[in-house]
Amino acid sequence: MKTLQILAIGLAVLMAGGEIARRAGTPTFIPLALDELAVAAALLWAAWRARHDETPPMIAAWAGYCGLVAGLLAENADYLIHGREKSGAVFYTVTLALMLLVGVWAVTRGLNLARRRR
């Protein structure tokens, strides 16, 4: 559980920090950054709740993270699949695919921990 907590805190800080740095000062900050900030908040909350060996919040937060990253991956991969121009499309697609793998691993790990505790 400790690994999931540390990973959740680290990715939440990176995700929120990246979105704030990317969109701060723009008029569309709130609508465009809200999803990443909400998932980051869920990961931080789940890591805090995991102090008491509560796995359901951790599983739910990581599943939400996976949903967000899968959507972003599909959006970025679309540029590569259809041959449209986008600066950094390959980098973002590969990075998002790796992020999704981390998220799926975390959900699987959380489910295994929950099964063992029953």
N, C-alpha and C. Protein backbone atom coordinates (compact mmCIF):
# COMPACT_ATOMS: atom_id res chain seq x y z
N MET A 1 0.83 -1.19 0.00
CA MET A 1 0.00 0.00 0.00
C MET A 1 0.87 1.25 0.00
N LYS A 2 2.01 1.17 0.68
CA LYS A 2 2.90 2.33 0.77
C LYS A 2 3.36 2.77 -0.62
N THR A 3 3.65 1.81 -1.49
CA THR A 3 4.08 2.14 -2.86
C THR A 3 2.98 2.88 -3.61
N LEU A 4 1.75 2.42 -3.46
CA LEU A 4 0.62 3.09 -4.11
C LEU A 4 0.43 4.49 -3.58
N GLN A 5 0.62 4.68 -2.28
CA GLN A 5 0.49 6.01 -1.69
C GLN A 5 1.55 6.96 -2.24
N ILE A 6 2.79 6.52 -2.25
CA ILE A 6 3.88 7.37 -2.73
C ILE A 6 3.68 7.71 -4.20
N LEU A 7 3.31 6.71 -4.98
CA LEU A 7 3.07 6.92 -6.41
C LEU A 7 1.90 7.87 -6.64
N ALA A 8 0.84 7.72 -5.85
CA ALA A 8 -0.33 8.59 -5.97
C ALA A 8 0.04 10.04 -5.66
N ILE A 9 0.79 10.25 -4.60
CA ILE A 9 1.19 11.61 -4.23
C ILE A 9 2.09 12.21 -5.30
N GLY A 10 3.07 11.43 -5.75
CA GLY A 10 3.99 11.93 -6.77
C GLY A 10 3.30 12.29 -8.06
N LEU A 11 2.45 11.42 -8.56
CA LEU A 11 1.75 11.70 -9.82
C LEU A 11 0.73 12.82 -9.67
N ALA A 12 0.09 12.91 -8.51
CA ALA A 12 -0.87 13.99 -8.28
C ALA A 12 -0.16 15.34 -8.31
N VAL A 13 0.98 15.43 -7.66
CA VAL A 13 1.73 16.69 -7.64
C VAL A 13 2.22 17.04 -9.04
N LEU A 14 2.76 16.05 -9.75
CA LEU A 14 3.23 16.30 -11.11
C LEU A 14 2.10 16.71 -12.05
N MET A 15 0.97 16.01 -11.95
CA MET A 15 -0.15 16.30 -12.83
C MET A 15 -0.74 17.69 -12.55
N ALA A 16 -0.97 17.99 -11.28
CA ALA A 16 -1.52 19.30 -10.93
C ALA A 16 -0.53 20.41 -11.25
N GLY A 17 0.73 20.19 -10.91
CA GLY A 17 1.75 21.20 -11.19
C GLY A 17 1.90 21.46 -12.68
N GLY A 18 1.88 20.40 -13.46
CA GLY A 18 1.99 20.56 -14.92
C GLY A 18 0.82 21.32 -15.51
N GLU A 19 -0.38 21.03 -15.05
CA GLU A 19 -1.55 21.73 -15.56
C GLU A 19 -1.57 23.18 -15.14
N ILE A 20 -1.18 23.44 -13.91
CA ILE A 20 -1.15 24.83 -13.44
C ILE A 20 -0.10 25.61 -14.22
N ALA A 21 1.08 25.02 -14.40
CA ALA A 21 2.14 25.70 -15.16
C ALA A 21 1.72 25.92 -16.62
N ARG A 22 1.03 24.95 -17.16
CA ARG A 22 0.64 25.02 -18.57
C ARG A 22 -0.48 26.03 -18.83
N ARG A 23 -1.44 26.09 -17.93
CA ARG A 23 -2.64 26.88 -18.20
C ARG A 23 -2.83 28.12 -17.34
N ALA A 24 -1.96 28.34 -16.37
CA ALA A 24 -2.11 29.49 -15.47
C ALA A 24 -2.09 30.79 -16.27
N GLY A 25 -2.99 31.66 -15.93
CA GLY A 25 -3.06 32.96 -16.58
C GLY A 25 -3.86 32.99 -17.86
N THR A 26 -4.36 31.84 -18.29
CA THR A 26 -5.18 31.82 -19.50
C THR A 26 -6.65 31.90 -19.10
N PRO A 27 -7.48 32.46 -19.95
CA PRO A 27 -8.90 32.57 -19.60
C PRO A 27 -9.61 31.22 -19.52
N THR A 28 -9.04 30.18 -20.10
CA THR A 28 -9.67 28.86 -20.09
C THR A 28 -9.07 27.94 -19.04
N PHE A 29 -8.38 28.51 -18.06
CA PHE A 29 -7.70 27.69 -17.04
C PHE A 29 -8.66 26.72 -16.35
N ILE A 30 -9.74 27.23 -15.79
CA ILE A 30 -10.64 26.38 -15.01
C ILE A 30 -11.30 25.29 -15.87
N PRO A 31 -11.93 25.60 -16.98
CA PRO A 31 -12.58 24.51 -17.69
C PRO A 31 -11.61 23.46 -18.25
N LEU A 32 -10.43 23.88 -18.68
CA LEU A 32 -9.52 22.93 -19.31
C LEU A 32 -8.64 22.17 -18.31
N ALA A 33 -8.39 22.73 -17.15
CA ALA A 33 -7.53 22.08 -16.17
C ALA A 33 -8.32 21.35 -15.09
N LEU A 34 -9.63 21.52 -15.07
CA LEU A 34 -10.44 20.99 -13.98
C LEU A 34 -10.35 19.47 -13.88
N ASP A 35 -10.35 18.77 -14.99
CA ASP A 35 -10.31 17.31 -14.92
C ASP A 35 -9.01 16.80 -14.31
N GLU A 36 -7.87 17.35 -14.73
CA GLU A 36 -6.60 16.93 -14.16
C GLU A 36 -6.50 17.29 -12.67
N LEU A 37 -6.99 18.47 -12.32
CA LEU A 37 -6.94 18.88 -10.92
C LEU A 37 -7.86 18.03 -10.05
N ALA A 38 -9.00 17.63 -10.58
CA ALA A 38 -9.93 16.77 -9.83
C ALA A 38 -9.32 15.39 -9.60
N VAL A 39 -8.69 14.83 -10.62
CA VAL A 39 -8.06 13.51 -10.47
C VAL A 39 -6.87 13.60 -9.52
N ALA A 40 -6.10 14.68 -9.60
CA ALA A 40 -4.97 14.87 -8.68
C ALA A 40 -5.48 14.96 -7.23
N ALA A 41 -6.57 15.68 -7.03
CA ALA A 41 -7.16 15.79 -5.69
C ALA A 41 -7.64 14.42 -5.20
N ALA A 42 -8.24 13.64 -6.09
CA ALA A 42 -8.71 12.30 -5.71
C ALA A 42 -7.54 11.40 -5.32
N LEU A 43 -6.44 11.48 -6.06
CA LEU A 43 -5.27 10.68 -5.72
C LEU A 43 -4.69 11.08 -4.37
N LEU A 44 -4.63 12.39 -4.10
CA LEU A 44 -4.12 12.85 -2.81
C LEU A 44 -5.03 12.41 -1.67
N TRP A 45 -6.34 12.53 -1.87
CA TRP A 45 -7.30 12.11 -0.85
C TRP A 45 -7.18 10.61 -0.59
N ALA A 46 -7.05 9.83 -1.66
CA ALA A 46 -6.94 8.37 -1.51
C ALA A 46 -5.65 8.00 -0.78
N ALA A 47 -4.57 8.69 -1.08
CA ALA A 47 -3.31 8.42 -0.39
C ALA A 47 -3.43 8.73 1.10
N TRP A 48 -4.15 9.79 1.42
CA TRP A 48 -4.38 10.15 2.82
C TRP A 48 -5.24 9.09 3.52
N ARG A 49 -6.28 8.64 2.84
CA ARG A 49 -7.17 7.62 3.42
C ARG A 49 -6.48 6.27 3.56
N ALA A 50 -5.50 6.01 2.73
CA ALA A 50 -4.80 4.72 2.76
C ALA A 50 -3.97 4.56 4.03
N ARG A 51 -3.77 5.64 4.78
CA ARG A 51 -3.07 5.54 6.05
C ARG A 51 -3.78 4.57 6.98
N HIS A 52 -5.07 4.45 6.82
CA HIS A 52 -5.89 3.57 7.66
C HIS A 52 -6.20 2.25 6.95
N ASP A 53 -5.34 1.88 6.01
CA ASP A 53 -5.50 0.63 5.24
C ASP A 53 -6.82 0.54 4.50
N GLU A 54 -7.26 1.64 3.96
CA GLU A 54 -8.50 1.65 3.19
C GLU A 54 -8.14 1.58 1.70
N THR A 55 -8.40 0.45 1.09
CA THR A 55 -8.05 0.28 -0.33
C THR A 55 -9.12 0.78 -1.30
N PRO A 56 -10.43 0.76 -0.97
CA PRO A 56 -11.41 1.21 -1.98
C PRO A 56 -11.18 2.63 -2.50
N PRO A 57 -10.87 3.62 -1.66
CA PRO A 57 -10.61 4.95 -2.22
C PRO A 57 -9.39 4.96 -3.15
N MET A 58 -8.39 4.18 -2.81
CA MET A 58 -7.19 4.12 -3.64
C MET A 58 -7.52 3.50 -5.01
N ILE A 59 -8.29 2.44 -5.00
CA ILE A 59 -8.67 1.80 -6.26
C ILE A 59 -9.51 2.76 -7.10
N ALA A 60 -10.46 3.43 -6.48
CA ALA A 60 -11.32 4.37 -7.22
C ALA A 60 -10.52 5.53 -7.80
N ALA A 61 -9.61 6.08 -7.02
CA ALA A 61 -8.80 7.20 -7.51
C ALA A 61 -7.91 6.77 -8.68
N TRP A 62 -7.29 5.60 -8.56
CA TRP A 62 -6.44 5.12 -9.65
C TRP A 62 -7.28 4.79 -10.89
N ALA A 63 -8.49 4.29 -10.70
CA ALA A 63 -9.36 4.02 -11.85
C ALA A 63 -9.75 5.33 -12.54
N GLY A 64 -10.03 6.36 -11.76
CA GLY A 64 -10.31 7.68 -12.34
C GLY A 64 -9.12 8.21 -13.10
N TYR A 65 -7.93 8.03 -12.54
CA TYR A 65 -6.69 8.43 -13.21
C TYR A 65 -6.56 7.71 -14.56
N CYS A 66 -6.82 6.40 -14.55
CA CYS A 66 -6.74 5.62 -15.79
C CYS A 66 -7.73 6.12 -16.84
N GLY A 67 -8.94 6.46 -16.40
CA GLY A 67 -9.94 6.99 -17.33
C GLY A 67 -9.50 8.30 -17.95
N LEU A 68 -8.96 9.19 -17.13
CA LEU A 68 -8.47 10.47 -17.65
C LEU A 68 -7.33 10.25 -18.64
N VAL A 69 -6.36 9.45 -18.26
CA VAL A 69 -5.19 9.23 -19.11
C VAL A 69 -5.59 8.50 -20.40
N ALA A 70 -6.52 7.56 -20.32
CA ALA A 70 -6.97 6.85 -21.53
C ALA A 70 -7.62 7.83 -22.51
N GLY A 71 -8.41 8.76 -21.99
CA GLY A 71 -9.02 9.76 -22.86
C GLY A 71 -8.00 10.66 -23.51
N LEU A 72 -7.01 11.10 -22.73
CA LEU A 72 -5.95 11.94 -23.29
C LEU A 72 -5.10 11.17 -24.30
N LEU A 73 -4.87 9.90 -24.02
CA LEU A 73 -4.10 9.06 -24.95
C LEU A 73 -4.84 8.91 -26.27
N ALA A 74 -6.13 8.66 -26.21
CA ALA A 74 -6.92 8.52 -27.44
C ALA A 74 -6.90 9.81 -28.25
N GLU A 75 -7.01 10.93 -27.57
CA GLU A 75 -7.00 12.23 -28.25
C GLU A 75 -5.65 12.48 -28.94
N ASN A 76 -4.55 12.18 -28.26
CA ASN A 76 -3.23 12.41 -28.85
C ASN A 76 -2.87 11.37 -29.90
N ALA A 77 -3.27 10.13 -29.70
CA ALA A 77 -2.98 9.09 -30.68
C ALA A 77 -3.72 9.34 -31.99
N ASP A 78 -4.85 10.01 -31.92
CA ASP A 78 -5.62 10.33 -33.11
C ASP A 78 -4.79 11.12 -34.13
N TYR A 79 -3.95 12.01 -33.62
CA TYR A 79 -3.09 12.78 -34.53
C TYR A 79 -2.12 11.87 -35.26
N LEU A 80 -1.57 10.89 -34.57
CA LEU A 80 -0.62 9.97 -35.21
C LEU A 80 -1.32 9.01 -36.17
N ILE A 81 -2.47 8.51 -35.76
CA ILE A 81 -3.19 7.53 -36.57
C ILE A 81 -3.65 8.13 -37.89
N HIS A 82 -4.11 9.37 -37.84
CA HIS A 82 -4.64 10.00 -39.04
C HIS A 82 -3.63 10.91 -39.74
N GLY A 83 -2.37 10.91 -39.28
CA GLY A 83 -1.32 11.65 -39.95
C GLY A 83 -1.46 13.16 -39.90
N ARG A 84 -2.16 13.67 -38.90
CA ARG A 84 -2.30 15.12 -38.77
C ARG A 84 -1.12 15.68 -37.98
N GLU A 85 -0.82 16.93 -38.24
CA GLU A 85 0.31 17.58 -37.58
C GLU A 85 -0.06 18.04 -36.17
N LYS A 86 0.82 17.72 -35.23
CA LYS A 86 0.71 18.24 -33.87
C LYS A 86 2.11 18.19 -33.28
N SER A 87 2.54 19.29 -32.76
CA SER A 87 3.86 19.37 -32.16
C SER A 87 3.95 18.43 -30.95
N GLY A 88 4.92 17.54 -30.95
CA GLY A 88 5.13 16.63 -29.83
C GLY A 88 4.15 15.49 -29.72
N ALA A 89 3.44 15.17 -30.78
CA ALA A 89 2.42 14.13 -30.72
C ALA A 89 3.00 12.78 -30.33
N VAL A 90 4.15 12.43 -30.87
CA VAL A 90 4.76 11.13 -30.55
C VAL A 90 5.18 11.10 -29.08
N PHE A 91 5.83 12.16 -28.63
CA PHE A 91 6.27 12.22 -27.23
C PHE A 91 5.09 12.10 -26.28
N TYR A 92 4.03 12.88 -26.52
CA TYR A 92 2.87 12.85 -25.64
C TYR A 92 2.17 11.50 -25.67
N THR A 93 2.08 10.90 -26.84
CA THR A 93 1.40 9.61 -26.95
C THR A 93 2.16 8.53 -26.19
N VAL A 94 3.47 8.50 -26.35
CA VAL A 94 4.28 7.50 -25.64
C VAL A 94 4.22 7.74 -24.14
N THR A 95 4.34 8.99 -23.72
CA THR A 95 4.29 9.32 -22.29
C THR A 95 2.94 8.94 -21.69
N LEU A 96 1.86 9.25 -22.39
CA LEU A 96 0.53 8.90 -21.89
C LEU A 96 0.32 7.39 -21.84
N ALA A 97 0.88 6.66 -22.81
CA ALA A 97 0.77 5.20 -22.78
C ALA A 97 1.49 4.64 -21.56
N LEU A 98 2.66 5.18 -21.25
CA LEU A 98 3.39 4.74 -20.05
C LEU A 98 2.63 5.10 -18.78
N MET A 99 2.03 6.29 -18.76
CA MET A 99 1.23 6.71 -17.61
C MET A 99 0.03 5.78 -17.42
N LEU A 100 -0.58 5.36 -18.52
CA LEU A 100 -1.71 4.44 -18.43
C LEU A 100 -1.26 3.09 -17.88
N LEU A 101 -0.11 2.62 -18.32
CA LEU A 101 0.41 1.35 -17.78
C LEU A 101 0.63 1.44 -16.28
N VAL A 102 1.16 2.55 -15.81
CA VAL A 102 1.36 2.75 -14.36
C VAL A 102 0.00 2.72 -13.65
N GLY A 103 -0.98 3.39 -14.22
CA GLY A 103 -2.31 3.41 -13.62
C GLY A 103 -2.97 2.04 -13.57
N VAL A 104 -2.85 1.29 -14.63
CA VAL A 104 -3.43 -0.07 -14.66
C VAL A 104 -2.73 -0.95 -13.64
N TRP A 105 -1.41 -0.81 -13.55
CA TRP A 105 -0.66 -1.56 -12.53
C TRP A 105 -1.17 -1.20 -11.14
N ALA A 106 -1.39 0.09 -10.88
CA ALA A 106 -1.83 0.54 -9.56
C ALA A 106 -3.23 0.01 -9.23
N VAL A 107 -4.13 0.01 -10.20
CA VAL A 107 -5.47 -0.54 -9.96
C VAL A 107 -5.37 -2.03 -9.65
N THR A 108 -4.58 -2.74 -10.43
CA THR A 108 -4.41 -4.18 -10.23
C THR A 108 -3.81 -4.46 -8.85
N ARG A 109 -2.82 -3.69 -8.48
CA ARG A 109 -2.17 -3.85 -7.17
C ARG A 109 -3.17 -3.56 -6.06
N GLY A 110 -3.97 -2.52 -6.20
CA GLY A 110 -4.97 -2.20 -5.20
C GLY A 110 -6.02 -3.29 -5.06
N LEU A 111 -6.46 -3.84 -6.18
CA LEU A 111 -7.44 -4.93 -6.13
C LEU A 111 -6.86 -6.17 -5.46
N ASN A 112 -5.60 -6.48 -5.75
CA ASN A 112 -4.96 -7.63 -5.10
C ASN A 112 -4.83 -7.41 -3.60
N LEU A 113 -4.48 -6.20 -3.19
CA LEU A 113 -4.40 -5.90 -1.75
C LEU A 113 -5.77 -6.03 -1.08
N ALA A 114 -6.81 -5.57 -1.76
CA ALA A 114 -8.16 -5.65 -1.19
C ALA A 114 -8.60 -7.11 -1.06
N ARG A 115 -8.27 -7.93 -2.02
CA ARG A 115 -8.64 -9.36 -1.95
C ARG A 115 -7.93 -10.05 -0.79
N ARG A 116 -6.68 -9.72 -0.60
CA ARG A 116 -5.91 -10.34 0.50
C ARG A 116 -6.44 -9.95 1.87
N ARG A 117 -6.99 -8.76 1.97
CA ARG A 117 -7.46 -8.25 3.27
C ARG A 117 -8.86 -8.76 3.62
N ARG A 118 -9.54 -9.35 2.67
CA ARG A 118 -10.89 -9.88 2.95
C ARG A 118 -10.80 -11.13 3.68
